[in-house]
PDB file of N, CA and C in Angstrom:
ATOM      1  N   MET A   1     -92.806   8.388  99.489  1.00  0.00           N
ATOM      2  CA  MET A   1     -93.601   7.548  98.528  1.00  0.00           C
ATOM      3  C   MET A   1     -92.912   6.214  98.337  1.00  0.00           C
ATOM      4  N   LYS A   2     -93.677   5.171  98.486  1.00  0.00           N
ATOM      5  CA  LYS A   2     -93.043   3.787  98.379  1.00  0.00           C
ATOM      6  C   LYS A   2     -92.815   3.481  96.869  1.00  0.00           C
ATOM      7  N   THR A   3     -91.725   2.891  96.581  1.00  0.00           N
ATOM      8  CA  THR A   3     -91.339   2.530  95.146  1.00  0.00           C
ATOM      9  C   THR A   3     -91.082   1.078  95.116  1.00  0.00           C
ATOM     10  N   PHE A   4     -91.062   0.562  93.914  1.00  0.00           N
ATOM     11  CA  PHE A   4     -90.871  -0.848  93.613  1.00  0.00           C
ATOM     12  C   PHE A   4     -89.944  -1.089  92.507  1.00  0.00           C
ATOM     13  N   THR A   5     -89.181  -2.205  92.514  1.00  0.00           N
ATOM     14  CA  THR A   5     -88.331  -2.638  91.391  1.00  0.00           C
ATOM     15  C   THR A   5     -89.243  -3.295  90.346  1.00  0.00           C
ATOM     16  N   ILE A   6     -88.660  -3.475  89.177  1.00  0.00           N
ATOM     17  CA  ILE A   6     -89.455  -4.136  88.074  1.00  0.00           C
ATOM     18  C   ILE A   6     -89.786  -5.631  88.528  1.00  0.00           C
ATOM     19  N   GLY A   7     -88.862  -6.256  89.213  1.00  0.00           N
ATOM     20  CA  GLY A   7     -89.168  -7.586  89.644  1.00  0.00           C
ATOM     21  C   GLY A   7     -90.227  -7.660  90.656  1.00  0.00           C
ATOM     22  N   GLN A   8     -90.227  -6.707  91.578  1.00  0.00           N
ATOM     23  CA  GLN A   8     -91.353  -6.676  92.583  1.00  0.00           C
ATOM     24  C   GLN A   8     -92.748  -6.405  91.901  1.00  0.00           C
ATOM     25  N   VAL A   9     -92.672  -5.512  90.882  1.00  0.00           N
ATOM     26  CA  VAL A   9     -93.976  -5.191  90.166  1.00  0.00           C
ATOM     27  C   VAL A   9     -94.407  -6.472  89.449  1.00  0.00           C
ATOM     28  N   ALA A  10     -93.530  -7.123  88.764  1.00  0.00           N
ATOM     29  CA  ALA A  10     -93.864  -8.243  87.978  1.00  0.00           C
ATOM     30  C   ALA A  10     -94.465  -9.345  88.878  1.00  0.00           C
ATOM     31  N   GLU A  11     -93.898  -9.585  90.064  1.00  0.00           N
ATOM     32  CA  GLU A  11     -94.509 -10.539  90.996  1.00  0.00           C
ATOM     33  C   GLU A  11     -95.837 -10.156  91.569  1.00  0.00           C
ATOM     34  N   LYS A  12     -95.894  -8.892  91.886  1.00  0.00           N
ATOM     35  CA  LYS A  12     -97.108  -8.329  92.471  1.00  0.00           C
ATOM     36  C   LYS A  12     -98.315  -8.471  91.546  1.00  0.00           C
ATOM     37  N   ILE A  13     -98.153  -8.224  90.217  1.00  0.00           N
ATOM     38  CA  ILE A  13     -99.295  -8.195  89.251  1.00  0.00           C
ATOM     39  C   ILE A  13     -99.331  -9.492  88.432  1.00  0.00           C
ATOM     40  N   GLY A  14     -98.386 -10.389  88.556  1.00  0.00           N
ATOM     41  CA  GLY A  14     -98.457 -11.639  87.892  1.00  0.00           C
ATOM     42  C   GLY A  14     -98.118 -11.668  86.427  1.00  0.00           C
ATOM     43  N   VAL A  15     -97.144 -10.788  86.056  1.00  0.00           N
ATOM     44  CA  VAL A  15     -96.547 -10.848  84.719  1.00  0.00           C
ATOM     45  C   VAL A  15     -95.097 -10.990  84.733  1.00  0.00           C
ATOM     46  N   THR A  16     -94.489 -11.076  83.584  1.00  0.00           N
ATOM     47  CA  THR A  16     -93.079 -11.253  83.651  1.00  0.00           C
ATOM     48  C   THR A  16     -92.366  -9.873  83.433  1.00  0.00           C
ATOM     49  N   VAL A  17     -91.098  -9.836  83.882  1.00  0.00           N
ATOM     50  CA  VAL A  17     -90.368  -8.622  83.753  1.00  0.00           C
ATOM     51  C   VAL A  17     -90.305  -8.162  82.257  1.00  0.00           C
ATOM     52  N   GLU A  18     -90.212  -9.153  81.383  1.00  0.00           N
ATOM     53  CA  GLU A  18     -90.101  -8.837  79.948  1.00  0.00           C
ATOM     54  C   GLU A  18     -91.395  -8.228  79.468  1.00  0.00           C
ATOM     55  N   THR A  19     -92.588  -8.649  80.100  1.00  0.00           N
ATOM     56  CA  THR A  19     -93.829  -8.091  79.658  1.00  0.00           C
ATOM     57  C   THR A  19     -93.873  -6.556  80.024  1.00  0.00           C
ATOM     58  N   ILE A  20     -93.378  -6.197  81.184  1.00  0.00           N
ATOM     59  CA  ILE A  20     -93.389  -4.860  81.600  1.00  0.00           C
ATOM     60  C   ILE A  20     -92.438  -4.088  80.739  1.00  0.00           C
ATOM     61  N   ARG A  21     -91.290  -4.588  80.409  1.00  0.00           N
ATOM     62  CA  ARG A  21     -90.411  -3.896  79.532  1.00  0.00           C
ATOM     63  C   ARG A  21     -91.036  -3.655  78.107  1.00  0.00           C
ATOM     64  N   TYR A  22     -91.701  -4.724  77.634  1.00  0.00           N
ATOM     65  CA  TYR A  22     -92.439  -4.578  76.347  1.00  0.00           C
ATOM     66  C   TYR A  22     -93.512  -3.529  76.356  1.00  0.00           C
ATOM     67  N   TYR A  23     -94.214  -3.428  77.421  1.00  0.00           N
ATOM     68  CA  TYR A  23     -95.257  -2.451  77.553  1.00  0.00           C
ATOM     69  C   TYR A  23     -94.694  -1.061  77.531  1.00  0.00           C
ATOM     70  N   GLU A  24     -93.538  -0.860  78.150  1.00  0.00           N
ATOM     71  CA  GLU A  24     -92.901   0.454  78.123  1.00  0.00           C
ATOM     72  C   GLU A  24     -92.342   0.757  76.676  1.00  0.00           C
ATOM     73  N   HIS A  25     -91.716  -0.201  76.108  1.00  0.00           N
ATOM     74  CA  HIS A  25     -91.117  -0.118  74.776  1.00  0.00           C
ATOM     75  C   HIS A  25     -92.130   0.291  73.720  1.00  0.00           C
ATOM     76  N   GLU A  26     -93.379  -0.323  73.853  1.00  0.00           N
ATOM     77  CA  GLU A  26     -94.458  -0.156  72.919  1.00  0.00           C
ATOM     78  C   GLU A  26     -95.359   1.060  73.275  1.00  0.00           C
ATOM     79  N   ASP A  27     -94.845   1.854  74.284  1.00  0.00           N
ATOM     80  CA  ASP A  27     -95.651   3.063  74.730  1.00  0.00           C
ATOM     81  C   ASP A  27     -97.014   2.768  75.371  1.00  0.00           C
ATOM     82  N   LEU A  28     -97.234   1.498  75.823  1.00  0.00           N
ATOM     83  CA  LEU A  28     -98.466   1.169  76.412  1.00  0.00           C
ATOM     84  C   LEU A  28     -98.582   1.736  77.843  1.00  0.00           C
ATOM     85  N   ILE A  29     -97.389   2.094  78.427  1.00  0.00           N
ATOM     86  CA  ILE A  29     -97.298   2.693  79.706  1.00  0.00           C
ATOM     87  C   ILE A  29     -96.328   3.848  79.518  1.00  0.00           C
ATOM     88  N   PRO A  30     -96.511   4.835  80.311  1.00  0.00           N
ATOM     89  CA  PRO A  30     -95.594   5.950  80.203  1.00  0.00           C
ATOM     90  C   PRO A  30     -94.104   5.556  80.582  1.00  0.00           C
ATOM     91  N   PRO A  31     -93.105   6.329  80.103  1.00  0.00           N
ATOM     92  CA  PRO A  31     -91.787   5.986  80.638  1.00  0.00           C
ATOM     93  C   PRO A  31     -91.717   5.976  82.162  1.00  0.00           C
ATOM     94  N   VAL A  32     -91.043   5.021  82.661  1.00  0.00           N
ATOM     95  CA  VAL A  32     -90.876   4.862  84.106  1.00  0.00           C
ATOM     96  C   VAL A  32     -89.639   5.554  84.533  1.00  0.00           C
ATOM     97  N   ARG A  33     -89.757   6.248  85.703  1.00  0.00           N
ATOM     98  CA  ARG A  33     -88.592   6.931  86.305  1.00  0.00           C
ATOM     99  C   ARG A  33     -87.568   5.967  86.585  1.00  0.00           C
ATOM    100  N   ARG A  34     -86.315   6.440  86.504  1.00  0.00           N
ATOM    101  CA  ARG A  34     -85.129   5.549  86.739  1.00  0.00           C
ATOM    102  C   ARG A  34     -84.252   6.155  87.822  1.00  0.00           C
ATOM    103  N   ASP A  35     -83.604   5.267  88.562  1.00  0.00           N
ATOM    104  CA  ASP A  35     -82.709   5.678  89.665  1.00  0.00           C
ATOM    105  C   ASP A  35     -81.328   6.093  89.005  1.00  0.00           C
ATOM    106  N   GLU A  36     -80.409   6.426  89.884  1.00  0.00           N
ATOM    107  CA  GLU A  36     -79.064   6.849  89.430  1.00  0.00           C
ATOM    108  C   GLU A  36     -78.359   5.782  88.683  1.00  0.00           C
ATOM    109  N   GLY A  37     -78.671   4.551  88.975  1.00  0.00           N
ATOM    110  CA  GLY A  37     -78.083   3.372  88.267  1.00  0.00           C
ATOM    111  C   GLY A  37     -78.782   2.952  87.000  1.00  0.00           C
ATOM    112  N   GLY A  38     -79.859   3.743  86.637  1.00  0.00           N
ATOM    113  CA  GLY A  38     -80.546   3.421  85.408  1.00  0.00           C
ATOM    114  C   GLY A  38     -81.665   2.335  85.559  1.00  0.00           C
ATOM    115  N   ARG A  39     -81.860   1.902  86.819  1.00  0.00           N
ATOM    116  CA  ARG A  39     -82.916   0.965  87.023  1.00  0.00           C
ATOM    117  C   ARG A  39     -84.252   1.627  87.185  1.00  0.00           C
ATOM    118  N   ARG A  40     -85.285   0.971  86.648  1.00  0.00           N
ATOM    119  CA  ARG A  40     -86.658   1.480  86.743  1.00  0.00           C
ATOM    120  C   ARG A  40     -87.138   1.545  88.259  1.00  0.00           C
ATOM    121  N   VAL A  41     -87.864   2.548  88.611  1.00  0.00           N
ATOM    122  CA  VAL A  41     -88.371   2.780  89.867  1.00  0.00           C
ATOM    123  C   VAL A  41     -89.918   3.037  89.680  1.00  0.00           C
ATOM    124  N   PHE A  42     -90.740   2.047  90.034  1.00  0.00           N
ATOM    125  CA  PHE A  42     -92.147   2.099  89.868  1.00  0.00           C
ATOM    126  C   PHE A  42     -92.848   2.697  91.100  1.00  0.00           C
ATOM    127  N   THR A  43     -93.925   3.405  90.936  1.00  0.00           N
ATOM    128  CA  THR A  43     -94.816   3.808  91.962  1.00  0.00           C
ATOM    129  C   THR A  43     -96.157   3.119  91.894  1.00  0.00           C
ATOM    130  N   ASP A  44     -96.979   3.290  92.857  1.00  0.00           N
ATOM    131  CA  ASP A  44     -98.329   2.727  92.893  1.00  0.00           C
ATOM    132  C   ASP A  44     -99.083   3.124  91.606  1.00  0.00           C
ATOM    133  N   ASP A  45     -98.921   4.391  91.137  1.00  0.00           N
ATOM    134  CA  ASP A  45     -99.604   4.911  89.966  1.00  0.00           C
ATOM    135  C   ASP A  45     -99.149   4.057  88.699  1.00  0.00           C
ATOM    136  N   ASP A  46     -97.826   3.872  88.700  1.00  0.00           N
ATOM    137  CA  ASP A  46     -97.231   3.029  87.535  1.00  0.00           C
ATOM    138  C   ASP A  46     -97.907   1.601  87.555  1.00  0.00           C
ATOM    139  N   ILE A  47     -98.003   1.024  88.742  1.00  0.00           N
ATOM    140  CA  ILE A  47     -98.553  -0.335  88.864  1.00  0.00           C
ATOM    141  C   ILE A  47    -100.065  -0.322  88.455  1.00  0.00           C
ATOM    142  N   ASN A  48    -100.789   0.736  88.866  1.00  0.00           N
ATOM    143  CA  ASN A  48    -102.201   0.785  88.448  1.00  0.00           C
ATOM    144  C   ASN A  48    -102.357   0.916  86.989  1.00  0.00           C
ATOM    145  N   HIS A  49    -101.433   1.678  86.299  1.00  0.00           N
ATOM    146  CA  HIS A  49    -101.566   1.812  84.876  1.00  0.00           C
ATOM    147  C   HIS A  49    -101.225   0.500  84.224  1.00  0.00           C
ATOM    148  N   ILE A  50    -100.223  -0.296  84.624  1.00  0.00           N
ATOM    149  CA  ILE A  50     -99.996  -1.538  84.142  1.00  0.00           C
ATOM    150  C   ILE A  50    -101.174  -2.495  84.262  1.00  0.00           C
ATOM    151  N   ARG A  51    -101.782  -2.499  85.391  1.00  0.00           N
ATOM    152  CA  ARG A  51    -103.040  -3.285  85.633  1.00  0.00           C
ATOM    153  C   ARG A  51    -104.160  -2.885  84.626  1.00  0.00           C
ATOM    154  N   LEU A  52    -104.295  -1.664  84.343  1.00  0.00           N
ATOM    155  CA  LEU A  52    -105.244  -1.081  83.387  1.00  0.00           C
ATOM    156  C   LEU A  52    -104.953  -1.675  82.050  1.00  0.00           C
ATOM    157  N   VAL A  53    -103.645  -1.572  81.607  1.00  0.00           N
ATOM    158  CA  VAL A  53    -103.248  -2.181  80.361  1.00  0.00           C
ATOM    159  C   VAL A  53    -103.603  -3.613  80.163  1.00  0.00           C
ATOM    160  N   ILE A  54    -103.410  -4.430  81.240  1.00  0.00           N
ATOM    161  CA  ILE A  54    -103.725  -5.764  81.280  1.00  0.00           C
ATOM    162  C   ILE A  54    -105.158  -5.991  81.039  1.00  0.00           C
ATOM    163  N   GLU A  55    -106.035  -5.301  81.762  1.00  0.00           N
ATOM    164  CA  GLU A  55    -107.503  -5.327  81.643  1.00  0.00           C
ATOM    165  C   GLU A  55    -107.886  -4.911  80.176  1.00  0.00           C
ATOM    166  N   MET A  56    -107.338  -3.932  79.618  1.00  0.00           N
ATOM    167  CA  MET A  56    -107.656  -3.491  78.349  1.00  0.00           C
ATOM    168  C   MET A  56    -107.341  -4.582  77.324  1.00  0.00           C
ATOM    169  N   LYS A  57    -106.159  -5.256  77.466  1.00  0.00           N
ATOM    170  CA  LYS A  57    -105.836  -6.319  76.605  1.00  0.00           C
ATOM    171  C   LYS A  57    -106.820  -7.508  76.690  1.00  0.00           C
ATOM    172  N   LYS A  58    -107.221  -7.773  77.938  1.00  0.00           N
ATOM    173  CA  LYS A  58    -108.209  -8.858  78.146  1.00  0.00           C
ATOM    174  C   LYS A  58    -109.518  -8.478  77.451  1.00  0.00           C
ATOM    175  N   ALA A  59    -109.827  -7.259  77.344  1.00  0.00           N
ATOM    176  CA  ALA A  59    -111.075  -6.754  76.623  1.00  0.00           C
ATOM    177  C   ALA A  59    -110.873  -6.655  75.128  1.00  0.00           C
ATOM    178  N   ASP A  60    -109.734  -7.127  74.641  1.00  0.00           N
ATOM    179  CA  ASP A  60    -109.349  -7.116  73.194  1.00  0.00           C
ATOM    180  C   ASP A  60    -109.201  -5.657  72.638  1.00  0.00           C
ATOM    181  N   VAL A  61    -108.848  -4.697  73.467  1.00  0.00           N
ATOM    182  CA  VAL A  61    -108.586  -3.381  72.914  1.00  0.00           C
ATOM    183  C   VAL A  61    -107.259  -3.448  72.125  1.00  0.00           C
ATOM    184  N   PRO A  62    -107.305  -3.003  70.900  1.00  0.00           N
ATOM    185  CA  PRO A  62    -106.055  -3.023  70.064  1.00  0.00           C
ATOM    186  C   PRO A  62    -104.857  -2.263  70.743  1.00  0.00           C
ATOM    187  N   LEU A  63    -103.641  -2.738  70.553  1.00  0.00           N
ATOM    188  CA  LEU A  63    -102.522  -2.137  71.240  1.00  0.00           C
ATOM    189  C   LEU A  63    -102.390  -0.675  70.870  1.00  0.00           C
ATOM    190  N   LYS A  64    -102.631  -0.301  69.614  1.00  0.00           N
ATOM    191  CA  LYS A  64    -102.514   1.099  69.288  1.00  0.00           C
ATOM    192  C   LYS A  64    -103.483   1.999  70.064  1.00  0.00           C
ATOM    193  N   ASP A  65    -104.655   1.449  70.341  1.00  0.00           N
ATOM    194  CA  ASP A  65    -105.652   2.202  71.146  1.00  0.00           C
ATOM    195  C   ASP A  65    -105.168   2.280  72.609  1.00  0.00           C
ATOM    196  N   ILE A  66    -104.584   1.225  73.108  1.00  0.00           N
ATOM    197  CA  ILE A  66    -103.963   1.265  74.436  1.00  0.00           C
ATOM    198  C   ILE A  66    -102.987   2.344  74.483  1.00  0.00           C
ATOM    199  N   ALA A  67    -102.067   2.397  73.521  1.00  0.00           N
ATOM    200  CA  ALA A  67    -100.987   3.408  73.489  1.00  0.00           C
ATOM    201  C   ALA A  67    -101.630   4.816  73.391  1.00  0.00           C
ATOM    202  N   TYR A  68    -102.643   5.027  72.594  1.00  0.00           N
ATOM    203  CA  TYR A  68    -103.362   6.336  72.646  1.00  0.00           C
ATOM    204  C   TYR A  68    -103.809   6.704  73.987  1.00  0.00           C
ATOM    205  N   PHE A  69    -104.405   5.693  74.640  1.00  0.00           N
ATOM    206  CA  PHE A  69    -104.916   5.984  76.022  1.00  0.00           C
ATOM    207  C   PHE A  69    -103.834   6.381  76.936  1.00  0.00           C
ATOM    208  N   ALA A  70    -102.697   5.606  76.885  1.00  0.00           N
ATOM    209  CA  ALA A  70    -101.554   5.977  77.739  1.00  0.00           C
ATOM    210  C   ALA A  70    -101.103   7.395  77.511  1.00  0.00           C
ATOM    211  N   SER A  71    -101.084   7.789  76.221  1.00  0.00           N
ATOM    212  CA  SER A  71    -100.682   9.146  75.842  1.00  0.00           C
ATOM    213  C   SER A  71    -101.579  10.213  76.422  1.00  0.00           C
ATOM    214  N   TRP A  72    -102.971   9.898  76.285  1.00  0.00           N
ATOM    215  CA  TRP A  72    -103.964  10.788  76.809  1.00  0.00           C
ATOM    216  C   TRP A  72    -103.910  10.877  78.362  1.00  0.00           C
ATOM    217  N   ARG A  73    -103.615   9.783  78.968  1.00  0.00           N
ATOM    218  CA  ARG A  73    -103.535   9.722  80.465  1.00  0.00           C
ATOM    219  C   ARG A  73    -102.443  10.666  80.899  1.00  0.00           C
ATOM    220  N   GLY A  74    -101.363  10.727  80.100  1.00  0.00           N
ATOM    221  CA  GLY A  74    -100.238  11.565  80.452  1.00  0.00           C
ATOM    222  C   GLY A  74    -100.536  13.013  80.323  1.00  0.00           C
ATOM    223  N   ASP A  75    -101.555  13.383  79.558  1.00  0.00           N
ATOM    224  CA  ASP A  75    -101.944  14.737  79.350  1.00  0.00           C
ATOM    225  C   ASP A  75    -102.799  15.285  80.617  1.00  0.00           C
ATOM    226  N   GLY A  76    -103.201  14.303  81.473  1.00  0.00           N
ATOM    227  CA  GLY A  76    -103.894  14.747  82.659  1.00  0.00           C
ATOM    228  C   GLY A  76    -105.399  15.093  82.379  1.00  0.00           C
ATOM    229  N   ASP A  77    -105.980  15.952  83.154  1.00  0.00           N
ATOM    230  CA  ASP A  77    -107.355  16.298  83.051  1.00  0.00           C
ATOM    231  C   ASP A  77    -107.768  16.878  81.652  1.00  0.00           C
ATOM    232  N   ASP A  78    -106.822  17.404  80.927  1.00  0.00           N
ATOM    233  CA  ASP A  78    -107.104  17.926  79.589  1.00  0.00           C
ATOM    234  C   ASP A  78    -107.693  16.900  78.590  1.00  0.00           C
ATOM    235  N   SER A  79    -107.355  15.616  78.869  1.00  0.00           N
ATOM    236  CA  SER A  79    -107.827  14.565  77.969  1.00  0.00           C
ATOM    237  C   SER A  79    -108.992  13.766  78.502  1.00  0.00           C
ATOM    238  N   LEU A  80    -109.611  14.157  79.609  1.00  0.00           N
ATOM    239  CA  LEU A  80    -110.676  13.298  80.173  1.00  0.00           C
ATOM    240  C   LEU A  80    -111.698  12.974  79.231  1.00  0.00           C
ATOM    241  N   GLU A  81    -112.170  13.936  78.441  1.00  0.00           N
ATOM    242  CA  GLU A  81    -113.282  13.658  77.531  1.00  0.00           C
ATOM    243  C   GLU A  81    -112.833  12.657  76.480  1.00  0.00           C
ATOM    244  N   ALA A  82    -111.638  12.745  75.937  1.00  0.00           N
ATOM    245  CA  ALA A  82    -111.207  11.847  74.901  1.00  0.00           C
ATOM    246  C   ALA A  82    -111.102  10.372  75.513  1.00  0.00           C
ATOM    247  N   ARG A  83    -110.607  10.305  76.747  1.00  0.00           N
ATOM    248  CA  ARG A  83    -110.505   9.041  77.363  1.00  0.00           C
ATOM    249  C   ARG A  83    -111.845   8.375  77.603  1.00  0.00           C
TER     250      ARG A  83
END
């Protein structure tokens, strides 16, 4: 599985590193896996989730609702109806 650094993700989707850290801190995205050195290691799924958050923000979805969505997404198929 291909992985990406936070800098690569920021460049790829056109946001700042600080924005990605903020999204994680505010629970808008699930916690990102870290390597042995404590650095974030992103997957394509993580990147897609960040893109979804960006689109939800563009649609003026409140941050608390985006956080709920992120939580539900982490529940997998059990939360499909709620999402």
